[in-house]
Structure formats: C-alpha cells, structure tokens
C-alpha cells in the first residue's frame, strides 16, 4: 500500500512539474509503470536491477528536482523493507 502511494505521488509530481524534460518524464513514468506492474504480479517476478535504476535517478534528480528525488527514495526504502 505504501509503495502504491509513493508511485502515485511520483506520477502526480511528474504531471504537475513542467520543468522536467519530456525524456525524463517518459523515463520516470516508465519506471513507475514497471513498479506498478511488479506490484500486480507475484513478488517472485521482481526485476533485480530496478532498485539500481531508481538509485541512479535519485542522483540525477536530487539537485534540480528534490521532491521527485525524495519520492523515488521513498520507493527505494519501501522496496528494501520488502526485502528487494
């Protein structure tokens, strides 16, 4: 539930933030979609490199888009708490 909330928050920030480039927005929406897809499936099918990709995004966005970086960090923490 917490993970769904964080993904929803990320999408909301992407919709409201017109300073995120179209490429970045598309990339982040794709990552959010991958998290949502994995939530809908069995936990055994989690992508192993998803957390690594999310961590890279935090580094990319923490200076110019700190709110987006914070939400991505929340997603990472939740995934880690789930044992992923």
Protein backbone atom coordinates (compact mmCIF):
# COMPACT_ATOMS: atom_id res chain seq x y z
CA UNK A 1 0.00 0.00 0.00
CA UNK A 2 2.83 2.40 0.89
CA UNK A 3 4.58 1.56 -2.36
CA UNK A 4 1.44 2.24 -4.41
CA UNK A 5 1.08 5.57 -2.62
CA UNK A 6 4.67 6.57 -3.40
CA UNK A 7 4.31 5.61 -7.07
CA UNK A 8 1.10 7.62 -7.26
CA UNK A 9 2.85 10.59 -5.63
CA UNK A 10 5.68 10.35 -8.17
CA UNK A 11 3.21 10.40 -11.06
CA UNK A 12 1.42 13.38 -9.55
CA UNK A 13 4.67 15.33 -9.24
CA UNK A 14 5.57 14.48 -12.83
CA UNK A 15 2.17 15.72 -14.01
CA UNK A 16 2.48 18.97 -12.06
CA UNK A 17 6.15 19.74 -12.73
CA UNK A 18 6.60 21.35 -16.13
CA UNK A 19 10.35 21.75 -15.60
CA UNK A 20 11.03 18.04 -16.09
CA UNK A 21 12.10 17.36 -19.66
CA UNK A 22 9.88 15.17 -21.82
CA UNK A 23 12.58 12.48 -21.96
CA UNK A 24 13.00 12.47 -18.18
CA UNK A 25 9.25 12.44 -17.65
CA UNK A 26 8.84 9.50 -20.02
CA UNK A 27 11.71 7.61 -18.38
CA UNK A 28 10.35 8.16 -14.87
CA UNK A 29 6.82 7.24 -15.93
CA UNK A 30 8.22 4.03 -17.41
CA UNK A 31 9.98 3.22 -14.14
CA UNK A 32 6.79 3.93 -12.19
CA UNK A 33 4.90 1.66 -14.57
CA UNK A 34 7.43 -1.12 -14.02
CA UNK A 35 6.94 -0.84 -10.25
CA UNK A 36 3.16 -0.93 -10.70
CA UNK A 37 3.40 -3.95 -12.99
CA UNK A 38 5.50 -5.80 -10.44
CA UNK A 39 3.03 -4.91 -7.70
CA UNK A 40 0.29 -6.54 -9.75
CA UNK A 41 2.35 -9.71 -10.18
CA UNK A 42 3.80 -12.24 -7.79
CA UNK A 43 6.80 -10.96 -5.77
CA UNK A 44 8.99 -13.67 -7.31
CA UNK A 45 8.98 -11.72 -10.56
CA UNK A 46 10.60 -8.52 -9.31
CA UNK A 47 13.24 -7.06 -11.59
CA UNK A 48 16.62 -7.28 -9.91
CA UNK A 49 18.01 -4.09 -11.43
CA UNK A 50 15.01 -1.87 -10.68
CA UNK A 51 16.37 -0.57 -7.35
CA UNK A 52 19.71 0.21 -9.04
CA UNK A 53 17.93 2.19 -11.72
CA UNK A 54 15.88 4.06 -9.12
CA UNK A 55 19.04 4.90 -7.16
CA UNK A 56 20.61 6.34 -10.32
CA UNK A 57 17.52 8.52 -10.79
CA UNK A 58 17.82 9.89 -7.25
CA UNK A 59 21.35 11.05 -8.03
CA UNK A 60 20.25 12.58 -11.33
CA UNK A 61 17.30 14.49 -9.88
CA UNK A 62 18.26 15.41 -6.33
CA UNK A 63 19.72 18.79 -7.29
CA UNK A 64 17.22 20.04 -9.88
CA UNK A 65 14.11 18.15 -8.72
CA UNK A 66 14.47 17.41 -4.99
CA UNK A 67 10.81 16.49 -4.48
CA UNK A 68 10.96 13.88 -7.22
CA UNK A 69 14.23 12.55 -5.78
CA UNK A 70 12.61 12.30 -2.33
CA UNK A 71 9.66 10.32 -3.68
CA UNK A 72 12.00 7.96 -5.55
CA UNK A 73 13.95 7.49 -2.30
CA UNK A 74 10.67 6.56 -0.57
CA UNK A 75 10.05 3.94 -3.24
CA UNK A 76 13.56 2.52 -2.76
CA UNK A 77 13.17 2.38 1.03
CA UNK A 78 9.82 0.63 0.70
CA UNK A 79 11.27 -1.90 -1.76
CA UNK A 80 14.20 -2.52 0.59
CA UNK A 81 11.80 -3.01 3.50
CA UNK A 82 10.02 -5.62 1.38
CA UNK A 83 13.31 -7.46 1.05
CA UNK A 84 14.08 -6.43 -2.51
